[in-house]
């Protein structure tokens, strides 16, 4: 989410330079930052499993978000705060420095902040309340936490559909990738190989079997004249 928000801010701050960026280098930088975040979380998860080898688990990802791994909630709240600030800057730049109808942009920003970021925030707050302030058994805590996980997953998966609906730039990019995938497969299935067979008649002219057949049909239709 933070990567997308930073991308949108760059596109409105420096529109001319943005479209001249080296796309491979630009995407590589974003990917490296995402991998660093994932590696950091993986290291913490490995340390947790080594520190508590007898900790009971159910086999879901929520099992990682306990004890020392609760730091991930602080990390999520930090990223959500950065997202809100970045999208606020996007709105300010577009509102004061760009002309035209910005109704679509305002709608997309409101929906992203309320659903995408709101899903993370509400889900995380619910989990903290359930784990620390409600006197529930382990089974009850696990069951109730599934509802908080649903909110988080909705927030995580809603960003791409929202951008596709409200952003013409992302819609065009997504459609381009979809066409490159599905049209390529469709065209590869419809390829027909043609191998012409040539015959040389007595007069030295070159005809194919199909051409001779069409010529005979024309002769019949025109009473012997072509």
C-alpha atoms as a PDB file:
ATOM      1  CA  UNK A   1       0.000   0.000   0.000  1.00  0.00           C
ATOM      2  CA  UNK A   2       2.754   2.435   0.885  1.00  0.00           C
ATOM      3  CA  UNK A   3       4.448   1.665  -2.415  1.00  0.00           C
ATOM      4  CA  UNK A   4       1.294   2.508  -4.368  1.00  0.00           C
ATOM      5  CA  UNK A   5       0.708   5.689  -2.362  1.00  0.00           C
ATOM      6  CA  UNK A   6       4.294   6.845  -2.984  1.00  0.00           C
ATOM      7  CA  UNK A   7       3.877   6.063  -6.689  1.00  0.00           C
ATOM      8  CA  UNK A   8       0.718   8.201  -6.878  1.00  0.00           C
ATOM      9  CA  UNK A   9       2.432  11.083  -5.076  1.00  0.00           C
ATOM     10  CA  UNK A  10       5.384  11.016  -7.472  1.00  0.00           C
ATOM     11  CA  UNK A  11       3.053  10.972 -10.469  1.00  0.00           C
ATOM     12  CA  UNK A  12       1.278  14.172  -9.373  1.00  0.00           C
ATOM     13  CA  UNK A  13       4.382  15.982  -8.100  1.00  0.00           C
ATOM     14  CA  UNK A  14       6.573  15.322 -11.140  1.00  0.00           C
ATOM     15  CA  UNK A  15       4.252  14.191 -13.971  1.00  0.00           C
ATOM     16  CA  UNK A  16       6.730  14.813 -16.803  1.00  0.00           C
ATOM     17  CA  UNK A  17       9.685  13.131 -15.120  1.00  0.00           C
ATOM     18  CA  UNK A  18       7.451  10.322 -13.870  1.00  0.00           C
ATOM     19  CA  UNK A  19       6.546   9.136 -17.383  1.00  0.00           C
ATOM     20  CA  UNK A  20      10.228   9.227 -18.389  1.00  0.00           C
ATOM     21  CA  UNK A  21      11.418   6.989 -15.551  1.00  0.00           C
ATOM     22  CA  UNK A  22      13.317   3.794 -16.240  1.00  0.00           C
ATOM     23  CA  UNK A  23      10.440   1.441 -15.481  1.00  0.00           C
ATOM     24  CA  UNK A  24      12.643  -1.592 -14.749  1.00  0.00           C
ATOM     25  CA  UNK A  25      14.836   0.294 -12.276  1.00  0.00           C
ATOM     26  CA  UNK A  26      11.791   1.946 -10.717  1.00  0.00           C
ATOM     27  CA  UNK A  27       9.964  -1.353 -10.170  1.00  0.00           C
ATOM     28  CA  UNK A  28      13.168  -2.986  -8.920  1.00  0.00           C
ATOM     29  CA  UNK A  29      13.516  -0.364  -6.183  1.00  0.00           C
ATOM     30  CA  UNK A  30       9.900  -0.890  -5.087  1.00  0.00           C
ATOM     31  CA  UNK A  31      10.380  -4.672  -5.122  1.00  0.00           C
ATOM     32  CA  UNK A  32      13.587  -4.481  -3.061  1.00  0.00           C
ATOM     33  CA  UNK A  33      11.851  -2.390  -0.388  1.00  0.00           C
ATOM     34  CA  UNK A  34       8.990  -4.899  -0.251  1.00  0.00           C
ATOM     35  CA  UNK A  35      11.429  -7.838   0.008  1.00  0.00           C
ATOM     36  CA  UNK A  36      13.302  -6.126   2.854  1.00  0.00           C
ATOM     37  CA  UNK A  37      10.043  -5.809   4.782  1.00  0.00           C
ATOM     38  CA  UNK A  38       9.198  -9.453   4.171  1.00  0.00           C
ATOM     39  CA  UNK A  39      12.675 -10.648   5.160  1.00  0.00           C
ATOM     40  CA  UNK A  40      12.495  -8.634   8.386  1.00  0.00           C
ATOM     41  CA  UNK A  41       9.145 -10.253   9.275  1.00  0.00           C
ATOM     42  CA  UNK A  42      10.474 -13.715   8.410  1.00  0.00           C
ATOM     43  CA  UNK A  43      13.489 -13.260  10.688  1.00  0.00           C
ATOM     44  CA  UNK A  44      11.212 -12.237  13.559  1.00  0.00           C
ATOM     45  CA  UNK A  45       8.986 -15.261  12.931  1.00  0.00           C
ATOM     46  CA  UNK A  46      11.983 -17.639  12.974  1.00  0.00           C
ATOM     47  CA  UNK A  47      13.241 -16.093  16.212  1.00  0.00           C
ATOM     48  CA  UNK A  48       9.780 -16.507  17.752  1.00  0.00           C
ATOM     49  CA  UNK A  49       9.608 -20.203  16.823  1.00  0.00           C
ATOM     50  CA  UNK A  50      13.092 -20.814  18.252  1.00  0.00           C
ATOM     51  CA  UNK A  51      12.292 -18.930  21.457  1.00  0.00           C
ATOM     52  CA  UNK A  52       8.967 -20.720  22.046  1.00  0.00           C
ATOM     53  CA  UNK A  53       9.365 -24.188  20.484  1.00  0.00           C
ATOM     54  CA  UNK A  54       6.421 -25.666  22.431  1.00  0.00           C
ATOM     55  CA  UNK A  55       3.957 -22.869  21.635  1.00  0.00           C
ATOM     56  CA  UNK A  56       0.671 -24.466  20.428  1.00  0.00           C
ATOM     57  CA  UNK A  57      -0.408 -23.411  16.958  1.00  0.00           C
ATOM     58  CA  UNK A  58      -3.374 -24.033  14.669  1.00  0.00           C
ATOM     59  CA  UNK A  59      -1.525 -23.764  11.368  1.00  0.00           C
ATOM     60  CA  UNK A  60      -2.828 -20.337  10.327  1.00  0.00           C
ATOM     61  CA  UNK A  61      -0.868 -17.132   9.772  1.00  0.00           C
ATOM     62  CA  UNK A  62      -2.526 -15.625  12.833  1.00  0.00           C
ATOM     63  CA  UNK A  63      -0.359 -17.920  14.965  1.00  0.00           C
ATOM     64  CA  UNK A  64       2.623 -15.710  14.125  1.00  0.00           C
ATOM     65  CA  UNK A  65       0.998 -12.573  15.511  1.00  0.00           C
ATOM     66  CA  UNK A  66       1.541 -13.335  19.195  1.00  0.00           C
ATOM     67  CA  UNK A  67       4.070 -12.520  21.917  1.00  0.00           C
ATOM     68  CA  UNK A  68       7.205 -10.980  20.371  1.00  0.00           C
ATOM     69  CA  UNK A  69       5.604 -10.886  16.921  1.00  0.00           C
ATOM     70  CA  UNK A  70       3.006  -8.369  18.115  1.00  0.00           C
ATOM     71  CA  UNK A  71       5.512  -5.789  16.916  1.00  0.00           C
ATOM     72  CA  UNK A  72       3.946  -6.339  13.505  1.00  0.00           C
ATOM     73  CA  UNK A  73       0.905  -4.364  14.667  1.00  0.00           C
ATOM     74  CA  UNK A  74       3.094  -1.338  15.361  1.00  0.00           C
ATOM     75  CA  UNK A  75       4.628  -1.807  11.921  1.00  0.00           C
ATOM     76  CA  UNK A  76       1.172  -2.034  10.296  1.00  0.00           C
ATOM     77  CA  UNK A  77      -0.021   1.101  12.106  1.00  0.00           C
ATOM     78  CA  UNK A  78       3.129   2.921  10.977  1.00  0.00           C
ATOM     79  CA  UNK A  79       2.536   1.953   7.336  1.00  0.00           C
ATOM     80  CA  UNK A  80      -1.136   2.938   7.572  1.00  0.00           C
ATOM     81  CA  UNK A  81      -0.141   6.336   8.979  1.00  0.00           C
ATOM     82  CA  UNK A  82       2.369   6.827   6.151  1.00  0.00           C
ATOM     83  CA  UNK A  83      -0.329   5.888   3.624  1.00  0.00           C
ATOM     84  CA  UNK A  84      -2.763   8.422   5.024  1.00  0.00           C
ATOM     85  CA  UNK A  85      -0.120  11.168   4.889  1.00  0.00           C
ATOM     86  CA  UNK A  86       0.918  10.281   1.334  1.00  0.00           C
ATOM     87  CA  UNK A  87      -2.650  10.266   0.053  1.00  0.00           C
ATOM     88  CA  UNK A  88      -3.314  13.531   1.906  1.00  0.00           C
ATOM     89  CA  UNK A  89      -0.350  15.086   0.076  1.00  0.00           C
ATOM     90  CA  UNK A  90      -1.700  13.707  -3.208  1.00  0.00           C
ATOM     91  CA  UNK A  91      -5.058  15.391  -2.577  1.00  0.00           C
ATOM     92  CA  UNK A  92      -3.378  18.696  -1.615  1.00  0.00           C
ATOM     93  CA  UNK A  93      -1.161  18.735  -4.719  1.00  0.00           C
ATOM     94  CA  UNK A  94      -4.023  17.890  -7.077  1.00  0.00           C
ATOM     95  CA  UNK A  95      -6.428  20.275  -5.342  1.00  0.00           C
ATOM     96  CA  UNK A  96      -4.137  23.313  -5.442  1.00  0.00           C
ATOM     97  CA  UNK A  97      -1.752  22.743  -8.350  1.00  0.00           C
ATOM     98  CA  UNK A  98      -3.777  20.825 -10.931  1.00  0.00           C
ATOM     99  CA  UNK A  99      -6.828  21.954 -12.822  1.00  0.00           C
ATOM    100  CA  UNK A 100      -9.704  19.867 -14.144  1.00  0.00           C
ATOM    101  CA  UNK A 101     -12.328  17.582 -12.696  1.00  0.00           C
ATOM    102  CA  UNK A 102     -10.853  15.678  -9.716  1.00  0.00           C
ATOM    103  CA  UNK A 103     -14.062  13.975  -8.612  1.00  0.00           C
ATOM    104  CA  UNK A 104     -12.762  10.510  -9.543  1.00  0.00           C
ATOM    105  CA  UNK A 105      -9.529  11.090  -7.647  1.00  0.00           C
ATOM    106  CA  UNK A 106     -11.356  12.266  -4.525  1.00  0.00           C
ATOM    107  CA  UNK A 107     -13.606   9.193  -4.624  1.00  0.00           C
ATOM    108  CA  UNK A 108     -10.661   6.826  -5.002  1.00  0.00           C
ATOM    109  CA  UNK A 109      -8.758   8.460  -2.131  1.00  0.00           C
ATOM    110  CA  UNK A 110     -11.781   8.284   0.172  1.00  0.00           C
ATOM    111  CA  UNK A 111     -12.456   4.632  -0.678  1.00  0.00           C
ATOM    112  CA  UNK A 112      -8.787   3.633  -0.327  1.00  0.00           C
ATOM    113  CA  UNK A 113      -8.395   5.319   3.046  1.00  0.00           C
ATOM    114  CA  UNK A 114     -11.723   4.060   4.399  1.00  0.00           C
ATOM    115  CA  UNK A 115     -11.681   0.458   3.107  1.00  0.00           C
ATOM    116  CA  UNK A 116      -8.052  -0.494   2.488  1.00  0.00           C
ATOM    117  CA  UNK A 117      -6.400   1.306   5.387  1.00  0.00           C
ATOM    118  CA  UNK A 118      -9.536   1.146   7.539  1.00  0.00           C
ATOM    119  CA  UNK A 119      -9.637  -2.636   7.207  1.00  0.00           C
ATOM    120  CA  UNK A 120      -6.115  -2.941   8.613  1.00  0.00           C
ATOM    121  CA  UNK A 121      -6.728  -0.444  11.408  1.00  0.00           C
ATOM    122  CA  UNK A 122     -10.081  -1.839  12.541  1.00  0.00           C
ATOM    123  CA  UNK A 123      -8.898  -5.444  12.277  1.00  0.00           C
ATOM    124  CA  UNK A 124      -5.742  -4.733  14.274  1.00  0.00           C
ATOM    125  CA  UNK A 125      -7.624  -2.820  16.966  1.00  0.00           C
ATOM    126  CA  UNK A 126     -10.163  -5.639  17.276  1.00  0.00           C
ATOM    127  CA  UNK A 127      -7.396  -8.202  17.722  1.00  0.00           C
ATOM    128  CA  UNK A 128      -5.679  -6.120  20.418  1.00  0.00           C
ATOM    129  CA  UNK A 129      -8.964  -5.735  22.319  1.00  0.00           C
ATOM    130  CA  UNK A 130      -9.763  -9.449  22.016  1.00  0.00           C
ATOM    131  CA  UNK A 131      -6.307 -10.608  23.102  1.00  0.00           C
ATOM    132  CA  UNK A 132      -5.745  -8.187  25.990  1.00  0.00           C
ATOM    133  CA  UNK A 133      -9.084  -6.985  27.340  1.00  0.00           C
ATOM    134  CA  UNK A 134     -11.534  -9.882  26.956  1.00  0.00           C
ATOM    135  CA  UNK A 135     -11.443 -12.906  29.251  1.00  0.00           C
ATOM    136  CA  UNK A 136     -11.840 -15.641  26.653  1.00  0.00           C
ATOM    137  CA  UNK A 137     -10.462 -19.119  26.264  1.00  0.00           C
ATOM    138  CA  UNK A 138      -7.857 -19.890  23.642  1.00  0.00           C
ATOM    139  CA  UNK A 139     -10.455 -21.469  21.349  1.00  0.00           C
ATOM    140  CA  UNK A 140     -12.796 -18.498  21.724  1.00  0.00           C
ATOM    141  CA  UNK A 141      -9.957 -16.050  21.053  1.00  0.00           C
ATOM    142  CA  UNK A 142      -8.969 -17.938  17.905  1.00  0.00           C
ATOM    143  CA  UNK A 143     -12.590 -18.047  16.674  1.00  0.00           C
ATOM    144  CA  UNK A 144     -13.271 -14.348  17.259  1.00  0.00           C
ATOM    145  CA  UNK A 145      -9.928 -13.361  15.719  1.00  0.00           C
ATOM    146  CA  UNK A 146     -11.056 -14.883  12.442  1.00  0.00           C
ATOM    147  CA  UNK A 147     -13.522 -12.017  12.041  1.00  0.00           C
ATOM    148  CA  UNK A 148     -10.730  -9.502  12.578  1.00  0.00           C
ATOM    149  CA  UNK A 149      -8.713 -11.406   9.973  1.00  0.00           C
ATOM    150  CA  UNK A 150     -11.582 -11.069   7.490  1.00  0.00           C
ATOM    151  CA  UNK A 151     -11.477  -7.282   7.842  1.00  0.00           C
ATOM    152  CA  UNK A 152      -7.710  -7.262   7.349  1.00  0.00           C
ATOM    153  CA  UNK A 153      -7.938  -9.488   4.263  1.00  0.00           C
ATOM    154  CA  UNK A 154     -10.667  -7.295   2.761  1.00  0.00           C
ATOM    155  CA  UNK A 155      -8.405  -4.287   3.226  1.00  0.00           C
ATOM    156  CA  UNK A 156      -5.433  -6.110   1.714  1.00  0.00           C
ATOM    157  CA  UNK A 157      -7.317  -7.285  -1.378  1.00  0.00           C
ATOM    158  CA  UNK A 158      -9.464  -4.209  -2.063  1.00  0.00           C
ATOM    159  CA  UNK A 159      -6.733  -1.855  -3.292  1.00  0.00           C
ATOM    160  CA  UNK A 160      -6.358  -3.263  -6.812  1.00  0.00           C
ATOM    161  CA  UNK A 161     -10.114  -3.304  -7.596  1.00  0.00           C
ATOM    162  CA  UNK A 162     -10.431   0.247  -6.252  1.00  0.00           C
ATOM    163  CA  UNK A 163      -7.560   1.491  -8.401  1.00  0.00           C
ATOM    164  CA  UNK A 164      -8.996  -0.331 -11.427  1.00  0.00           C
ATOM    165  CA  UNK A 165     -12.388   1.328 -10.964  1.00  0.00           C
ATOM    166  CA  UNK A 166     -11.275   4.880 -10.185  1.00  0.00           C
ATOM    167  CA  UNK A 167      -7.835   5.255 -11.821  1.00  0.00           C
ATOM    168  CA  UNK A 168      -7.618   5.324 -15.617  1.00  0.00           C
ATOM    169  CA  UNK A 169      -3.812   4.943 -15.423  1.00  0.00           C
ATOM    170  CA  UNK A 170      -3.961   1.706 -13.418  1.00  0.00           C
ATOM    171  CA  UNK A 171      -6.944   0.460 -15.443  1.00  0.00           C
ATOM    172  CA  UNK A 172      -4.977   0.833 -18.655  1.00  0.00           C
ATOM    173  CA  UNK A 173      -1.926  -0.890 -17.156  1.00  0.00           C
ATOM    174  CA  UNK A 174      -3.986  -3.808 -15.797  1.00  0.00           C
ATOM    175  CA  UNK A 175      -5.896  -4.236 -19.076  1.00  0.00           C
ATOM    176  CA  UNK A 176      -2.600  -4.250 -20.963  1.00  0.00           C
ATOM    177  CA  UNK A 177      -1.249  -7.069 -18.815  1.00  0.00           C
ATOM    178  CA  UNK A 178      -4.486  -9.052 -19.080  1.00  0.00           C
ATOM    179  CA  UNK A 179      -4.500  -8.720 -22.874  1.00  0.00           C
ATOM    180  CA  UNK A 180      -0.874  -9.839 -23.061  1.00  0.00           C
ATOM    181  CA  UNK A 181      -1.776 -12.994 -21.092  1.00  0.00           C
ATOM    182  CA  UNK A 182      -5.156 -14.064 -22.467  1.00  0.00           C
ATOM    183  CA  UNK A 183      -4.882 -12.804 -26.054  1.00  0.00           C
ATOM    184  CA  UNK A 184      -1.525 -14.482 -26.492  1.00  0.00           C
ATOM    185  CA  UNK A 185      -2.996 -17.825 -25.453  1.00  0.00           C
ATOM    186  CA  UNK A 186      -6.052 -17.303 -27.638  1.00  0.00           C
ATOM    187  CA  UNK A 187      -4.012 -16.391 -30.704  1.00  0.00           C
ATOM    188  CA  UNK A 188      -1.681 -19.325 -30.199  1.00  0.00           C
ATOM    189  CA  UNK A 189      -4.665 -21.704 -30.311  1.00  0.00           C
ATOM    190  CA  UNK A 190      -6.053 -20.183 -33.529  1.00  0.00           C
ATOM    191  CA  UNK A 191      -2.855 -20.351 -35.567  1.00  0.00           C
ATOM    192  CA  UNK A 192      -3.394 -22.213 -38.856  1.00  0.00           C
ATOM    193  CA  UNK A 193      -0.427 -23.462 -40.824  1.00  0.00           C
ATOM    194  CA  UNK A 194      -0.841 -23.303 -44.616  1.00  0.00           C
ATOM    195  CA  UNK A 195       1.392 -25.351 -46.886  1.00  0.00           C
ATOM    196  CA  UNK A 196       0.694 -24.492 -50.557  1.00  0.00           C
ATOM    197  CA  UNK A 197       1.149 -27.229 -53.118  1.00  0.00           C
ATOM    198  CA  UNK A 198       2.197 -26.033 -56.580  1.00  0.00           C
ATOM    199  CA  UNK A 199       1.549 -27.791 -59.860  1.00  0.00           C
ATOM    200  CA  UNK A 200       3.037 -26.941 -63.221  1.00  0.00           C
ATOM    201  CA  UNK A 201       0.763 -27.536 -66.169  1.00  0.00           C
ATOM    202  CA  UNK A 202       1.776 -28.104 -69.755  1.00  0.00           C
ATOM    203  CA  UNK A 203       1.655 -24.408 -70.618  1.00  0.00           C
ATOM    204  CA  UNK A 204       4.234 -23.585 -67.991  1.00  0.00           C
ATOM    205  CA  UNK A 205       1.816 -21.701 -65.719  1.00  0.00           C
ATOM    206  CA  UNK A 206       1.858 -22.280 -61.977  1.00  0.00           C
ATOM    207  CA  UNK A 207      -1.454 -23.137 -60.316  1.00  0.00           C
ATOM    208  CA  UNK A 208      -2.439 -24.560 -56.969  1.00  0.00           C
ATOM    209  CA  UNK A 209      -5.086 -27.209 -56.541  1.00  0.00           C
ATOM    210  CA  UNK A 210      -7.373 -24.739 -54.783  1.00  0.00           C
ATOM    211  CA  UNK A 211      -6.984 -22.198 -57.613  1.00  0.00           C
ATOM    212  CA  UNK A 212      -7.880 -24.797 -60.230  1.00  0.00           C
ATOM    213  CA  UNK A 213     -10.977 -25.782 -58.237  1.00  0.00           C
ATOM    214  CA  UNK A 214     -12.146 -22.154 -57.939  1.00  0.00           C
ATOM    215  CA  UNK A 215     -11.534 -21.640 -61.669  1.00  0.00           C
ATOM    216  CA  UNK A 216     -13.715 -24.650 -62.553  1.00  0.00           C
ATOM    217  CA  UNK A 217     -16.487 -23.327 -60.295  1.00  0.00           C
ATOM    218  CA  UNK A 218     -16.388 -19.970 -62.075  1.00  0.00           C
ATOM    219  CA  UNK A 219     -16.544 -21.676 -65.448  1.00  0.00           C
ATOM    220  CA  UNK A 220     -19.675 -23.561 -64.413  1.00  0.00           C
ATOM    221  CA  UNK A 221     -21.386 -20.420 -63.063  1.00  0.00           C
ATOM    222  CA  UNK A 222     -20.566 -18.378 -66.164  1.00  0.00           C
ATOM    223  CA  UNK A 223     -21.467 -21.085 -68.657  1.00  0.00           C
ATOM    224  CA  UNK A 224     -17.943 -21.903 -69.526  1.00  0.00           C
ATOM    225  CA  UNK A 225     -16.523 -18.363 -69.622  1.00  0.00           C
ATOM    226  CA  UNK A 226     -14.203 -16.979 -66.957  1.00  0.00           C
END
